[in-house]
Amino acid sequence: MSEDVPLKRCSRCKQFNPATLDYFHRYKGGLHSQCKECRCPPKPIDLIHQGQKRCPKCEEWKPATAEYFHRNNQKRDGLYPRCKKCNTKPPKVSDVPEGYKRCYTCKCNFLATSEFFYSHKSKRGGLEGRCKACARKAAKAYGSHNKERDGIEVSAVRPLEKRCPKCKTLSPATTEFFHSNKAAKDGLTGDCKVCIYKRMQEYYKSPGMQEQAVRRSANRRARKMAVPGIHTAVQIHEQYKRQKGKCYYCQQKVRWGEHHVDHTFPLSREGASNDISYLVITCKFCNLSKGDRYPWEWPEGGRLL
């Protein structure tokens, strides 16, 4: 051994060994505090049970083969720790007679027929887990719970009537008072026709929706006349800001909502376009006075070019 190799003391056996990888394992860029013999002592060879494996549950020694242990590729020996006898669950002994089925709610045994259980394709045996009596009780309790939650008395709701959840009025369950809806259980909408009509009126009366409706109508009119181009309500609002709220012809202030949108080249004349570059904001008087004339044909507007 060379004298240049430093010695290292094992923290367990207190012996000095050369500080090399032959005596110590590598650890965090250096060497481990314990030598290899102390850290990984050799396991004693069991000559009596050689080729056998001990089950940790029944503590019996059995041949380490697939005949007594299940295979497991993730283990070192390729076998499951427990033997097949301990790993296999004992079969459940059922006290339900053959041809009968137990309801999981009332715990009573009934004949496994559609007379006592509702049919269900995805369930075992093609039958529901609870009997018909328990299923009816559960459905009744569910319906009464929902009605009590909405503040409605169960006795006040008649079979041929329906209550609107918004206005709380009780009306006949017909298409005269409710819109039809195929996706619903009763084939009717939840809200009555009066509430739906009021909601639609509030929606379409909002300023943004009114402006969008006007623009859609203008674009549709241009398409009917085979005029190219399209514009939106946002572009009209931007044009109003560019003109600083003034009429394009008389330069008078025009309040938003009282403004008119004029095509500089009329839709009924040659060279017309529905694009935003051909549209201007005008007052009512100038737009109606100009009519279907070009700007240079209407000298009162001051736009001869």
C-alpha atoms as a PDB file:
ATOM      1  CA  MET A   1       0.000   0.000   0.000  1.00  0.00           C
ATOM      2  CA  SER A   2       1.358   3.416  -0.962  1.00  0.00           C
ATOM      3  CA  GLU A   3       2.144   5.796   1.916  1.00  0.00           C
ATOM      4  CA  ASP A   4       0.578   8.745  -0.043  1.00  0.00           C
ATOM      5  CA  VAL A   5      -2.964   7.355   0.369  1.00  0.00           C
ATOM      6  CA  PRO A   6      -4.590   8.900   3.472  1.00  0.00           C
ATOM      7  CA  LEU A   7      -6.339   6.743   6.023  1.00  0.00           C
ATOM      8  CA  LYS A   8      -9.977   7.090   7.119  1.00  0.00           C
ATOM      9  CA  ARG A   9     -11.536   5.819  10.341  1.00  0.00           C
ATOM     10  CA  CYS A  10     -14.836   3.950  10.213  1.00  0.00           C
ATOM     11  CA  SER A  11     -17.427   5.522  12.531  1.00  0.00           C
ATOM     12  CA  ARG A  12     -18.800   2.110  13.489  1.00  0.00           C
ATOM     13  CA  CYS A  13     -15.938  -0.383  13.856  1.00  0.00           C
ATOM     14  CA  LYS A  14     -13.361   2.371  14.668  1.00  0.00           C
ATOM     15  CA  GLN A  15     -10.778   0.826  12.334  1.00  0.00           C
ATOM     16  CA  PHE A  16      -8.505   2.747   9.976  1.00  0.00           C
ATOM     17  CA  ASN A  17      -8.704   1.870   6.259  1.00  0.00           C
ATOM     18  CA  PRO A  18      -7.336   3.576   3.124  1.00  0.00           C
ATOM     19  CA  ALA A  19      -9.678   6.376   2.021  1.00  0.00           C
ATOM     20  CA  THR A  20     -10.444   4.779  -1.350  1.00  0.00           C
ATOM     21  CA  LEU A  21     -13.513   3.336  -3.070  1.00  0.00           C
ATOM     22  CA  ASP A  22     -12.259  -0.168  -2.305  1.00  0.00           C
ATOM     23  CA  TYR A  23     -13.125   0.316   1.404  1.00  0.00           C
ATOM     24  CA  PHE A  24     -15.743   3.121   1.447  1.00  0.00           C
ATOM     25  CA  HIS A  25     -18.824   3.958  -0.639  1.00  0.00           C
ATOM     26  CA  ARG A  26     -19.113   7.282  -2.448  1.00  0.00           C
ATOM     27  CA  TYR A  27     -21.374   9.789  -0.640  1.00  0.00           C
ATOM     28  CA  LYS A  28     -22.115  13.480  -1.502  1.00  0.00           C
ATOM     29  CA  GLY A  29     -18.924  14.085  -3.432  1.00  0.00           C
ATOM     30  CA  GLY A  30     -16.809  12.318  -0.844  1.00  0.00           C
ATOM     31  CA  LEU A  31     -16.759   9.008   1.059  1.00  0.00           C
ATOM     32  CA  HIS A  32     -19.241   7.493   3.475  1.00  0.00           C
ATOM     33  CA  SER A  33     -18.461   7.584   7.204  1.00  0.00           C
ATOM     34  CA  GLN A  34     -18.832   3.782   7.524  1.00  0.00           C
ATOM     35  CA  CYS A  35     -16.719   1.240   5.696  1.00  0.00           C
ATOM     36  CA  LYS A  36     -18.259  -1.224   3.241  1.00  0.00           C
ATOM     37  CA  GLU A  37     -18.121  -4.156   5.675  1.00  0.00           C
ATOM     38  CA  CYS A  38     -20.030  -2.265   8.370  1.00  0.00           C
ATOM     39  CA  ARG A  39     -22.512  -0.616   6.012  1.00  0.00           C
ATOM     40  CA  CYS A  40     -23.320  -3.718   3.937  1.00  0.00           C
ATOM     41  CA  PRO A  41     -22.371  -6.784   5.980  1.00  0.00           C
ATOM     42  CA  PRO A  42     -22.674 -10.066   4.061  1.00  0.00           C
ATOM     43  CA  LYS A  43     -25.844 -11.974   4.835  1.00  0.00           C
ATOM     44  CA  PRO A  44     -25.421 -15.425   6.326  1.00  0.00           C
ATOM     45  CA  ILE A  45     -26.232 -18.208   3.884  1.00  0.00           C
ATOM     46  CA  ASP A  46     -29.128 -20.359   5.076  1.00  0.00           C
ATOM     47  CA  LEU A  47     -28.193 -23.836   3.894  1.00  0.00           C
ATOM     48  CA  ILE A  48     -31.258 -25.432   5.490  1.00  0.00           C
ATOM     49  CA  HIS A  49     -33.879 -23.334   3.601  1.00  0.00           C
ATOM     50  CA  GLN A  50     -31.901 -22.841   0.416  1.00  0.00           C
ATOM     51  CA  GLY A  51     -34.261 -22.463  -2.605  1.00  0.00           C
ATOM     52  CA  GLN A  52     -37.201 -21.744  -0.318  1.00  0.00           C
ATOM     53  CA  LYS A  53     -39.167 -18.594   0.611  1.00  0.00           C
ATOM     54  CA  ARG A  54     -40.882 -17.713   3.875  1.00  0.00           C
ATOM     55  CA  CYS A  55     -44.445 -16.309   3.830  1.00  0.00           C
ATOM     56  CA  PRO A  56     -44.670 -13.320   6.256  1.00  0.00           C
ATOM     57  CA  LYS A  57     -48.306 -14.108   7.156  1.00  0.00           C
ATOM     58  CA  CYS A  58     -48.380 -17.841   7.887  1.00  0.00           C
ATOM     59  CA  GLU A  59     -44.564 -17.924   8.570  1.00  0.00           C
ATOM     60  CA  GLU A  60     -44.146 -21.184   6.663  1.00  0.00           C
ATOM     61  CA  TRP A  61     -41.209 -22.041   4.425  1.00  0.00           C
ATOM     62  CA  LYS A  62     -42.262 -23.061   0.913  1.00  0.00           C
ATOM     63  CA  PRO A  63     -40.409 -23.644  -2.391  1.00  0.00           C
ATOM     64  CA  ALA A  64     -39.711 -20.304  -4.109  1.00  0.00           C
ATOM     65  CA  THR A  65     -41.602 -21.221  -7.266  1.00  0.00           C
ATOM     66  CA  ALA A  66     -44.710 -19.983  -9.078  1.00  0.00           C
ATOM     67  CA  GLU A  67     -46.557 -23.015  -7.744  1.00  0.00           C
ATOM     68  CA  TYR A  68     -46.658 -21.563  -4.201  1.00  0.00           C
ATOM     69  CA  PHE A  69     -46.201 -17.802  -4.841  1.00  0.00           C
ATOM     70  CA  HIS A  70     -47.737 -15.422  -7.371  1.00  0.00           C
ATOM     71  CA  ARG A  71     -45.359 -13.813  -9.872  1.00  0.00           C
ATOM     72  CA  ASN A  72     -44.334 -10.169  -9.389  1.00  0.00           C
ATOM     73  CA  ASN A  73     -41.679  -8.726 -11.710  1.00  0.00           C
ATOM     74  CA  GLN A  74     -41.112  -5.697  -9.459  1.00  0.00           C
ATOM     75  CA  LYS A  75     -39.698  -7.843  -6.639  1.00  0.00           C
ATOM     76  CA  ARG A  76     -36.069  -8.986  -6.511  1.00  0.00           C
ATOM     77  CA  ASP A  77     -36.878 -12.697  -6.681  1.00  0.00           C
ATOM     78  CA  GLY A  78     -39.794 -12.163  -9.090  1.00  0.00           C
ATOM     79  CA  LEU A  79     -42.353 -13.521  -6.594  1.00  0.00           C
ATOM     80  CA  TYR A  80     -45.031 -12.006  -4.382  1.00  0.00           C
ATOM     81  CA  PRO A  81     -44.122 -11.919  -0.625  1.00  0.00           C
ATOM     82  CA  ARG A  82     -47.191 -13.834   0.561  1.00  0.00           C
ATOM     83  CA  CYS A  83     -47.955 -17.358  -0.575  1.00  0.00           C
ATOM     84  CA  LYS A  84     -50.939 -18.145  -2.750  1.00  0.00           C
ATOM     85  CA  LYS A  85     -52.898 -19.614   0.150  1.00  0.00           C
ATOM     86  CA  CYS A  86     -52.599 -16.439   2.275  1.00  0.00           C
ATOM     87  CA  ASN A  87     -52.973 -14.030  -0.655  1.00  0.00           C
ATOM     88  CA  THR A  88     -56.204 -15.554  -1.971  1.00  0.00           C
ATOM     89  CA  LYS A  89     -59.306 -14.167  -0.306  1.00  0.00           C
ATOM     90  CA  PRO A  90     -61.763 -16.776   0.954  1.00  0.00           C
ATOM     91  CA  PRO A  91     -65.040 -16.849  -1.016  1.00  0.00           C
ATOM     92  CA  LYS A  92     -67.928 -14.957   0.515  1.00  0.00           C
ATOM     93  CA  VAL A  93     -70.653 -17.150   1.906  1.00  0.00           C
ATOM     94  CA  SER A  94     -74.040 -15.641   1.079  1.00  0.00           C
ATOM     95  CA  ASP A  95     -77.081 -16.342   3.224  1.00  0.00           C
ATOM     96  CA  VAL A  96     -79.441 -15.288   0.402  1.00  0.00           C
ATOM     97  CA  PRO A  97     -81.219 -18.356  -1.061  1.00  0.00           C
ATOM     98  CA  GLU A  98     -80.728 -19.177  -4.723  1.00  0.00           C
ATOM     99  CA  GLY A  99     -83.157 -17.333  -7.003  1.00  0.00           C
ATOM    100  CA  TYR A 100     -83.649 -14.535  -4.468  1.00  0.00           C
ATOM    101  CA  LYS A 101     -82.196 -11.005  -4.203  1.00  0.00           C
ATOM    102  CA  ARG A 102     -81.671  -8.829  -1.122  1.00  0.00           C
ATOM    103  CA  CYS A 103     -82.726  -5.189  -1.124  1.00  0.00           C
ATOM    104  CA  TYR A 104     -79.838  -3.091   0.172  1.00  0.00           C
ATOM    105  CA  THR A 105     -82.237  -0.581   1.807  1.00  0.00           C
ATOM    106  CA  CYS A 106     -84.713  -2.716   3.775  1.00  0.00           C
ATOM    107  CA  LYS A 107     -82.433  -5.835   3.891  1.00  0.00           C
ATOM    108  CA  CYS A 108     -85.333  -8.122   2.895  1.00  0.00           C
ATOM    109  CA  ASN A 109     -85.080 -11.049   0.465  1.00  0.00           C
ATOM    110  CA  PHE A 110     -87.356 -11.084  -2.588  1.00  0.00           C
ATOM    111  CA  LEU A 111     -87.606 -13.179  -5.734  1.00  0.00           C
ATOM    112  CA  ALA A 112     -85.099 -11.878  -8.313  1.00  0.00           C
ATOM    113  CA  THR A 113     -87.816 -10.944 -10.812  1.00  0.00           C
ATOM    114  CA  SER A 114     -89.221  -7.730 -12.303  1.00  0.00           C
ATOM    115  CA  GLU A 115     -92.241  -8.157 -10.015  1.00  0.00           C
ATOM    116  CA  PHE A 116     -90.237  -6.962  -6.986  1.00  0.00           C
ATOM    117  CA  PHE A 117     -87.287  -5.061  -8.628  1.00  0.00           C
ATOM    118  CA  TYR A 118     -87.097  -2.509 -11.421  1.00  0.00           C
ATOM    119  CA  SER A 119     -85.056  -3.593 -14.452  1.00  0.00           C
ATOM    120  CA  HIS A 120     -81.654  -1.984 -15.042  1.00  0.00           C
ATOM    121  CA  LYS A 121     -79.338  -3.125 -17.851  1.00  0.00           C
ATOM    122  CA  SER A 122     -76.071  -1.981 -16.260  1.00  0.00           C
ATOM    123  CA  LYS A 123     -76.751  -3.697 -12.889  1.00  0.00           C
ATOM    124  CA  ARG A 124     -75.848  -7.286 -12.023  1.00  0.00           C
ATOM    125  CA  GLY A 125     -78.666  -9.622 -13.021  1.00  0.00           C
ATOM    126  CA  GLY A 126     -80.402  -6.803 -14.918  1.00  0.00           C
ATOM    127  CA  LEU A 127     -82.225  -5.585 -11.782  1.00  0.00           C
ATOM    128  CA  GLU A 128     -81.973  -2.579  -9.463  1.00  0.00           C
ATOM    129  CA  GLY A 129     -80.282  -2.949  -6.091  1.00  0.00           C
ATOM    130  CA  ARG A 130     -83.329  -1.937  -4.040  1.00  0.00           C
ATOM    131  CA  CYS A 131     -86.893  -3.245  -4.245  1.00  0.00           C
ATOM    132  CA  LYS A 132     -89.770  -1.351  -5.847  1.00  0.00           C
ATOM    133  CA  ALA A 133     -91.269  -0.266  -2.520  1.00  0.00           C
ATOM    134  CA  CYS A 134     -88.001   1.324  -1.338  1.00  0.00           C
ATOM    135  CA  ALA A 135     -87.440   2.950  -4.760  1.00  0.00           C
ATOM    136  CA  ARG A 136     -90.902   4.563  -4.660  1.00  0.00           C
ATOM    137  CA  LYS A 137     -90.290   5.879  -1.132  1.00  0.00           C
ATOM    138  CA  ALA A 138     -86.965   7.391  -2.168  1.00  0.00           C
ATOM    139  CA  ALA A 139     -88.485   9.076  -5.249  1.00  0.00           C
ATOM    140  CA  LYS A 140     -91.340  10.506  -3.189  1.00  0.00           C
ATOM    141  CA  ALA A 141     -88.976  11.847  -0.523  1.00  0.00           C
ATOM    142  CA  TYR A 142     -86.738  13.411  -3.179  1.00  0.00           C
ATOM    143  CA  GLY A 143     -89.659  15.251  -4.799  1.00  0.00           C
ATOM    144  CA  SER A 144     -91.041  16.556  -1.515  1.00  0.00           C
ATOM    145  CA  HIS A 145     -87.554  17.735  -0.447  1.00  0.00           C
ATOM    146  CA  ASN A 146     -87.120  19.808  -3.618  1.00  0.00           C
ATOM    147  CA  LYS A 147     -90.577  21.394  -3.249  1.00  0.00           C
ATOM    148  CA  GLU A 148     -89.957  22.280   0.410  1.00  0.00           C
ATOM    149  CA  ARG A 149     -86.591  23.758  -0.565  1.00  0.00           C
ATOM    150  CA  ASP A 150     -88.300  26.110  -3.079  1.00  0.00           C
ATOM    151  CA  GLY A 151     -90.843  27.243  -0.452  1.00  0.00           C
ATOM    152  CA  ILE A 152     -93.820  25.465  -2.042  1.00  0.00           C
ATOM    153  CA  GLU A 153     -96.304  23.373  -0.100  1.00  0.00           C
ATOM    154  CA  VAL A 154     -96.534  19.825  -1.396  1.00  0.00           C
ATOM    155  CA  SER A 155    -100.296  19.674  -0.983  1.00  0.00           C
ATOM    156  CA  ALA A 156    -100.780  22.939  -2.926  1.00  0.00           C
ATOM    157  CA  VAL A 157     -99.395  21.532  -6.231  1.00  0.00           C
ATOM    158  CA  ARG A 158    -101.942  19.654  -8.295  1.00  0.00           C
ATOM    159  CA  PRO A 159    -100.958  17.107 -10.979  1.00  0.00           C
ATOM    160  CA  LEU A 160    -102.286  19.149 -13.930  1.00  0.00           C
ATOM    161  CA  GLU A 161    -100.713  22.432 -12.805  1.00  0.00           C
ATOM    162  CA  LYS A 162     -97.193  23.856 -12.846  1.00  0.00           C
ATOM    163  CA  ARG A 163     -95.621  26.642 -10.797  1.00  0.00           C
ATOM    164  CA  CYS A 164     -93.307  29.177 -12.407  1.00  0.00           C
ATOM    165  CA  PRO A 165     -90.122  29.406 -10.263  1.00  0.00           C
ATOM    166  CA  LYS A 166     -89.692  33.125 -11.043  1.00  0.00           C
ATOM    167  CA  CYS A 167     -93.117  34.677 -10.455  1.00  0.00           C
ATOM    168  CA  LYS A 168     -94.373  31.783  -8.233  1.00  0.00           C
ATOM    169  CA  THR A 169     -97.747  31.716 -10.021  1.00  0.00           C
ATOM    170  CA  LEU A 170     -99.628  28.435 -10.425  1.00  0.00           C
ATOM    171  CA  SER A 171    -100.834  27.877 -14.014  1.00  0.00           C
ATOM    172  CA  PRO A 172    -102.211  24.923 -16.010  1.00  0.00           C
ATOM    173  CA  ALA A 173     -99.373  22.749 -17.371  1.00  0.00           C
ATOM    174  CA  THR A 174    -100.206  23.405 -21.035  1.00  0.00           C
ATOM    175  CA  THR A 175     -98.553  25.133 -23.993  1.00  0.00           C
ATOM    176  CA  GLU A 176    -100.944  28.044 -23.498  1.00  0.00           C
ATOM    177  CA  PHE A 177     -98.969  29.189 -20.439  1.00  0.00           C
ATOM    178  CA  PHE A 178     -95.557  27.494 -20.984  1.00  0.00           C
ATOM    179  CA  HIS A 179     -93.326  27.069 -24.021  1.00  0.00           C
ATOM    180  CA  SER A 180     -92.654  23.502 -25.175  1.00  0.00           C
ATOM    181  CA  ASN A 181     -89.269  21.932 -24.365  1.00  0.00           C
ATOM    182  CA  LYS A 182     -88.625  18.346 -25.491  1.00  0.00           C
ATOM    183  CA  ALA A 183     -85.576  17.981 -23.217  1.00  0.00           C
ATOM    184  CA  ALA A 184     -87.659  18.562 -20.040  1.00  0.00           C
ATOM    185  CA  LYS A 185     -89.457  15.737 -18.249  1.00  0.00           C
ATOM    186  CA  ASP A 186     -92.904  17.334 -18.629  1.00  0.00           C
ATOM    187  CA  GLY A 187     -92.118  18.716 -22.104  1.00  0.00           C
ATOM    188  CA  LEU A 188     -92.449  22.350 -20.927  1.00  0.00           C
ATOM    189  CA  THR A 189     -90.062  25.163 -20.038  1.00  0.00           C
ATOM    190  CA  GLY A 190     -89.440  26.017 -16.397  1.00  0.00           C
ATOM    191  CA  ASP A 191     -90.488  29.690 -16.623  1.00  0.00           C
ATOM    192  CA  CYS A 192     -93.924  30.706 -17.880  1.00  0.00           C
ATOM    193  CA  LYS A 193     -94.432  32.630 -21.126  1.00  0.00           C
ATOM    194  CA  VAL A 194     -95.019  35.972 -19.337  1.00  0.00           C
ATOM    195  CA  CYS A 195     -91.678  35.811 -17.479  1.00  0.00           C
ATOM    196  CA  ILE A 196     -89.765  34.760 -20.610  1.00  0.00           C
ATOM    197  CA  TYR A 197     -91.356  37.602 -22.630  1.00  0.00           C
ATOM    198  CA  LYS A 198     -90.439  40.176 -19.951  1.00  0.00           C
ATOM    199  CA  ARG A 199     -86.861  38.909 -19.823  1.00  0.00           C
ATOM    200  CA  MET A 200     -86.512  39.098 -23.615  1.00  0.00           C
ATOM    201  CA  GLN A 201     -87.916  42.645 -23.640  1.00  0.00           C
ATOM    202  CA  GLU A 202     -85.371  43.791 -21.040  1.00  0.00           C
ATOM    203  CA  TYR A 203     -82.593  42.118 -23.014  1.00  0.00           C
ATOM    204  CA  TYR A 204     -83.440  43.660 -26.381  1.00  0.00           C
ATOM    205  CA  LYS A 205     -84.181  47.085 -24.890  1.00  0.00           C
ATOM    206  CA  SER A 206     -80.595  47.479 -23.652  1.00  0.00           C
ATOM    207  CA  PRO A 207     -78.664  50.122 -25.658  1.00  0.00           C
ATOM    208  CA  GLY A 208     -75.997  47.738 -26.887  1.00  0.00           C
ATOM    209  CA  MET A 209     -78.496  45.197 -28.218  1.00  0.00           C
ATOM    210  CA  GLN A 210     -80.559  47.898 -29.979  1.00  0.00           C
ATOM    211  CA  GLU A 211     -77.496  49.201 -31.805  1.00  0.00           C
ATOM    212  CA  GLN A 212     -76.461  45.670 -32.819  1.00  0.00           C
ATOM    213  CA  ALA A 213     -79.969  44.966 -34.133  1.00  0.00           C
ATOM    214  CA  VAL A 214     -79.883  48.138 -36.255  1.00  0.00           C
ATOM    215  CA  ARG A 215     -76.476  47.211 -37.701  1.00  0.00           C
ATOM    216  CA  ARG A 216     -77.636  43.671 -38.523  1.00  0.00           C
ATOM    217  CA  SER A 217     -80.642  45.109 -40.333  1.00  0.00           C
ATOM    218  CA  ALA A 218     -78.431  47.529 -42.303  1.00  0.00           C
ATOM    219  CA  ASN A 219     -76.020  44.748 -43.335  1.00  0.00           C
ATOM    220  CA  ARG A 220     -78.928  42.537 -44.392  1.00  0.00           C
ATOM    221  CA  ARG A 221     -80.364  45.354 -46.534  1.00  0.00           C
ATOM    222  CA  ALA A 222     -76.999  45.819 -48.233  1.00  0.00           C
ATOM    223  CA  ARG A 223     -76.708  42.081 -48.955  1.00  0.00           C
ATOM    224  CA  LYS A 224     -80.161  42.076 -50.536  1.00  0.00           C
ATOM    225  CA  MET A 225     -79.056  44.893 -52.857  1.00  0.00           C
ATOM    226  CA  ALA A 226     -75.828  42.964 -53.702  1.00  0.00           C
ATOM    227  CA  VAL A 227     -73.641  45.734 -52.225  1.00  0.00           C
ATOM    228  CA  PRO A 228     -70.239  44.536 -50.913  1.00  0.00           C
ATOM    229  CA  GLY A 229     -68.866  45.291 -47.459  1.00  0.00           C
ATOM    230  CA  ILE A 230     -69.962  44.898 -43.848  1.00  0.00           C
ATOM    231  CA  HIS A 231     -69.673  46.949 -40.650  1.00  0.00           C
ATOM    232  CA  THR A 232     -70.319  46.486 -36.932  1.00  0.00           C
ATOM    233  CA  ALA A 233     -71.739  48.545 -34.069  1.00  0.00           C
ATOM    234  CA  VAL A 234     -68.247  48.959 -32.599  1.00  0.00           C
ATOM    235  CA  GLN A 235     -66.984  50.527 -35.851  1.00  0.00           C
ATOM    236  CA  ILE A 236     -69.912  52.982 -35.865  1.00  0.00           C
ATOM    237  CA  HIS A 237     -69.071  53.994 -32.300  1.00  0.00           C
ATOM    238  CA  GLU A 238     -65.426  54.565 -33.287  1.00  0.00           C
ATOM    239  CA  GLN A 239     -66.540  56.680 -36.278  1.00  0.00           C
ATOM    240  CA  TYR A 240     -68.679  58.790 -33.928  1.00  0.00           C
ATOM    241  CA  LYS A 241     -65.587  59.433 -31.757  1.00  0.00           C
ATOM    242  CA  ARG A 242     -63.446  60.318 -34.800  1.00  0.00           C
ATOM    243  CA  GLN A 243     -66.003  62.926 -35.857  1.00  0.00           C
ATOM    244  CA  LYS A 244     -66.102  64.190 -32.224  1.00  0.00           C
ATOM    245  CA  GLY A 245     -69.886  63.792 -32.126  1.00  0.00           C
ATOM    246  CA  LYS A 246     -70.456  66.241 -34.994  1.00  0.00           C
ATOM    247  CA  CYS A 247     -72.487  65.892 -38.187  1.00  0.00           C
ATOM    248  CA  TYR A 248     -70.355  65.208 -41.255  1.00  0.00           C
ATOM    249  CA  TYR A 249     -72.161  67.864 -43.346  1.00  0.00           C
ATOM    250  CA  CYS A 250     -73.376  70.717 -41.086  1.00  0.00           C
ATOM    251  CA  GLN A 251     -70.777  70.228 -38.310  1.00  0.00           C
ATOM    252  CA  GLN A 252     -73.459  70.505 -35.632  1.00  0.00           C
ATOM    253  CA  LYS A 253     -73.326  68.460 -32.410  1.00  0.00           C
ATOM    254  CA  VAL A 254     -75.338  65.238 -32.602  1.00  0.00           C
ATOM    255  CA  ARG A 255     -76.271  63.343 -29.439  1.00  0.00           C
ATOM    256  CA  TRP A 256     -75.553  59.585 -29.484  1.00  0.00           C
ATOM    257  CA  GLY A 257     -78.851  57.803 -30.095  1.00  0.00           C
ATOM    258  CA  GLU A 258     -80.210  60.639 -32.224  1.00  0.00           C
ATOM    259  CA  HIS A 259     -77.515  60.243 -34.883  1.00  0.00           C
ATOM    260  CA  HIS A 260     -77.964  58.800 -38.381  1.00  0.00           C
ATOM    261  CA  VAL A 261     -75.496  56.687 -40.358  1.00  0.00           C
ATOM    262  CA  ASP A 262     -75.233  57.820 -43.979  1.00  0.00           C
ATOM    263  CA  HIS A 263     -73.645  56.098 -46.987  1.00  0.00           C
ATOM    264  CA  THR A 264     -71.619  58.745 -48.834  1.00  0.00           C
ATOM    265  CA  PHE A 265     -72.214  56.670 -51.975  1.00  0.00           C
ATOM    266  CA  PRO A 266     -75.914  55.634 -51.775  1.00  0.00           C
ATOM    267  CA  LEU A 267     -76.657  51.904 -51.867  1.00  0.00           C
ATOM    268  CA  SER A 268     -78.932  52.379 -54.873  1.00  0.00           C
ATOM    269  CA  ARG A 269     -76.225  54.110 -56.957  1.00  0.00           C
ATOM    270  CA  GLU A 270     -73.100  52.852 -58.728  1.00  0.00           C
ATOM    271  CA  GLY A 271     -69.869  52.478 -56.717  1.00  0.00           C
ATOM    272  CA  ALA A 272     -71.693  51.939 -53.414  1.00  0.00           C
ATOM    273  CA  SER A 273     -70.151  49.983 -50.543  1.00  0.00           C
ATOM    274  CA  ASN A 274     -71.303  48.972 -47.050  1.00  0.00           C
ATOM    275  CA  ASP A 275     -67.771  49.221 -45.619  1.00  0.00           C
ATOM    276  CA  ILE A 276     -67.041  51.577 -42.712  1.00  0.00           C
ATOM    277  CA  SER A 277     -64.845  53.752 -44.958  1.00  0.00           C
ATOM    278  CA  TYR A 278     -68.000  54.741 -46.936  1.00  0.00           C
ATOM    279  CA  LEU A 279     -70.082  55.554 -43.805  1.00  0.00           C
ATOM    280  CA  VAL A 280     -70.340  58.847 -41.894  1.00  0.00           C
ATOM    281  CA  ILE A 281     -72.287  60.106 -38.868  1.00  0.00           C
ATOM    282  CA  THR A 282     -74.908  62.738 -39.702  1.00  0.00           C
ATOM    283  CA  CYS A 283     -77.858  64.456 -38.116  1.00  0.00           C
ATOM    284  CA  LYS A 284     -81.407  63.508 -39.044  1.00  0.00           C
ATOM    285  CA  PHE A 285     -82.034  66.635 -41.173  1.00  0.00           C
ATOM    286  CA  CYS A 286     -78.894  66.244 -43.337  1.00  0.00           C
ATOM    287  CA  ASN A 287     -79.371  62.533 -43.914  1.00  0.00           C
ATOM    288  CA  LEU A 288     -83.000  62.886 -45.015  1.00  0.00           C
ATOM    289  CA  SER A 289     -82.236  65.987 -47.104  1.00  0.00           C
ATOM    290  CA  LYS A 290     -79.353  64.333 -48.975  1.00  0.00           C
ATOM    291  CA  GLY A 291     -81.449  61.296 -49.911  1.00  0.00           C
ATOM    292  CA  ASP A 292     -79.908  59.078 -52.621  1.00  0.00           C
ATOM    293  CA  ARG A 293     -77.563  61.714 -54.079  1.00  0.00           C
ATOM    294  CA  TYR A 294     -73.785  61.813 -54.206  1.00  0.00           C
ATOM    295  CA  PRO A 295     -72.050  64.461 -52.012  1.00  0.00           C
ATOM    296  CA  TRP A 296     -71.217  66.618 -55.031  1.00  0.00           C
ATOM    297  CA  GLU A 297     -74.835  66.502 -56.187  1.00  0.00           C
ATOM    298  CA  TRP A 298     -75.984  68.076 -52.884  1.00  0.00           C
ATOM    299  CA  PRO A 299     -74.223  71.426 -52.519  1.00  0.00           C
ATOM    300  CA  GLU A 300     -76.048  72.323 -49.284  1.00  0.00           C
ATOM    301  CA  GLY A 301     -73.884  69.751 -47.477  1.00  0.00           C
ATOM    302  CA  GLY A 302     -70.624  71.548 -48.299  1.00  0.00           C
ATOM    303  CA  ARG A 303     -68.923  68.339 -49.489  1.00  0.00           C
ATOM    304  CA  LEU A 304     -68.560  68.880 -53.218  1.00  0.00           C
ATOM    305  CA  LEU A 305     -65.437  66.734 -53.624  1.00  0.00           C
END
